[in-house]
Amino acid sequence: MTAPDPIAEVEEIVVRARAAQQQFEATGSQALYDRAAAAAAWAIMEPARNLELAELAVQTTGLGNVPDKLTKNHRKTLGLMRDIQSAKTFGVISDDAETGITEIARAIGVIGAVVPSTNPGATPANNIINALKCGNAIVLSPSPKGVPTCVRLIEHIYAEFDKTGINRDLVQMLPGRGSKEGTQRLLEVSDLVVVTGSQNNVKRAYTCGTPAVAVGAGNVTVIVDETADLDQAATKITASKTFDNATSCSSENAVVILDAIWDDFVAAMARTGGAIVEDEAGIVSKLWPDGHLNREVIAQDASDMIQALGLTGSVPEGTEFIGVETSGIGPDHPLSGEKLSRVLAMYRARDFDDAVEITQRIQLHMGAGHSVGLHSSDDERALTLANAIPTCRVIVNQAHCFATGGAFNNGMPFSLSMGCGSWGGNSIDDNLHWKHFLQTTKIVREIPAREPAVEDIFATYWAETGA
């Protein structure tokens, strides 16, 4: 029997998606778009389904843990639904008599979305909800390990679609375990590409010839200064670092601690489950045994990580993560990069200026544009950090991985994909959210002329230059 042609399969899927999207838009309404988005959201949030998807994700990817996947699936989806609840994405969305411009929401068409194995339920659900809210169809290309979870998620979405007659072809995925050739073709024939995951996929997205929204690599560095509440900082860093076994791109990878509070912060960290390991060379050799991250350490429970790193019996009972003091930064110092594990690099800084310089060097090595954190009671230092570091976000006095992608106690949009601006090689500098799945048509009417006199524009400049 002749094997299926992966390129032809992708093209057939996109043809069906395009036909479904055109009908969805032609017969659309805000109520219809909202109902489709709600159907996809309930498909992952319904408690029994959420549990099934969380268990399947951990079982098939070997990454993260079930309780935190449950929390992530629920809170990320609930927060997204809150964000889009009142968003107008159909018909006239603004009408400004002063400018004479009427703005009409328009769907983009077929979204091609590449999603990672670290969040095989939450990330595709987020993309699907955003796409449907804005009148689009979407075709997913999950990573091979994420395929079973993605398949089951879509089955649940179809069950919800069938309740109100929504066309199943609005949400599809590439068949089987996918292929590079099939994914590449999806990127080429979609109307918009959305990519979260490896930087290889991000580069392919930006060179495929289709408009693309892709996000950069994380490597979060957090400063703890002498004005911080050390117990609160340690508690928040621990909660963030250990959540879902550090699968998040927003999980802390390095913490920079001022010398004046080093001992006190290490003690605070120990009270929350952090253990300092002084054998930097030993940790590096176990974490990167062949130059690549050790799969027995990546995104594993604390006990498994400790065993894989050869630390059994040498760290206290109840250790949740380990900190390794280091000073090296750059390609020859892997601890300064992303570790995707419960391992935290720890740097000493002489003072705050030194801490900013260390953070800048780490970000320029890896993670530029993504986000940094600050635990401090001096608000001016957040402004200093924001002006000094190539970053799109400075997270202040919060558990970083909870805050960066949106939280109920901050103003960031709920998302699992963080744009990193030009620093990270991205076209966006904010969290991927519903506005990125929408375009508009403007009706432009004539208004009374507002032409200024030349002197109105240049009077100040002339005065300053003597022109």
Foldseek 3Di string as FASTA:
>chain_A
DDDDDLLVLLVVLQVLLQVLLVVCQVPDDLVQLLLLLVLLLCLCLVQVNVQVLLVLLCVLLVFFHRVLSSVLSHFLSVLQCVVCVPPDQAAFPDQDPQQQKTKGWDFQEEEEEEEESLNLARAVSQVLSLQSSNRYAYEYQYALSSVVSNVSSLVSSVVSCVVPVRDSSSYYYRPDSDDPVNSLSNLQPGQEYEYEDDVVVVVSNVPSPHHYFYAFAAAAEEEEEPAFPLLLVLQLLLCLLCRRFQSASQRHLEYEYEPVCVVVNQVSNVVNQEAEDACLVLQVCLQCVPPDGDPQFANHFPVSNCVSSVNVPVTDPRHGAYEYEDDDAAPVRCSLGDRNGRYHYYYYANHLVRSLVSSQRSCLRGHFQDEYEYGHPDVVSQVVSVVRHRYLYYHYSHNGSQPQQHDPPDDARHARGAHRPVRRPGPDNGGDGSVVRIDIDMDGDDDPDDDDDPCVVCVVVCVVPVD
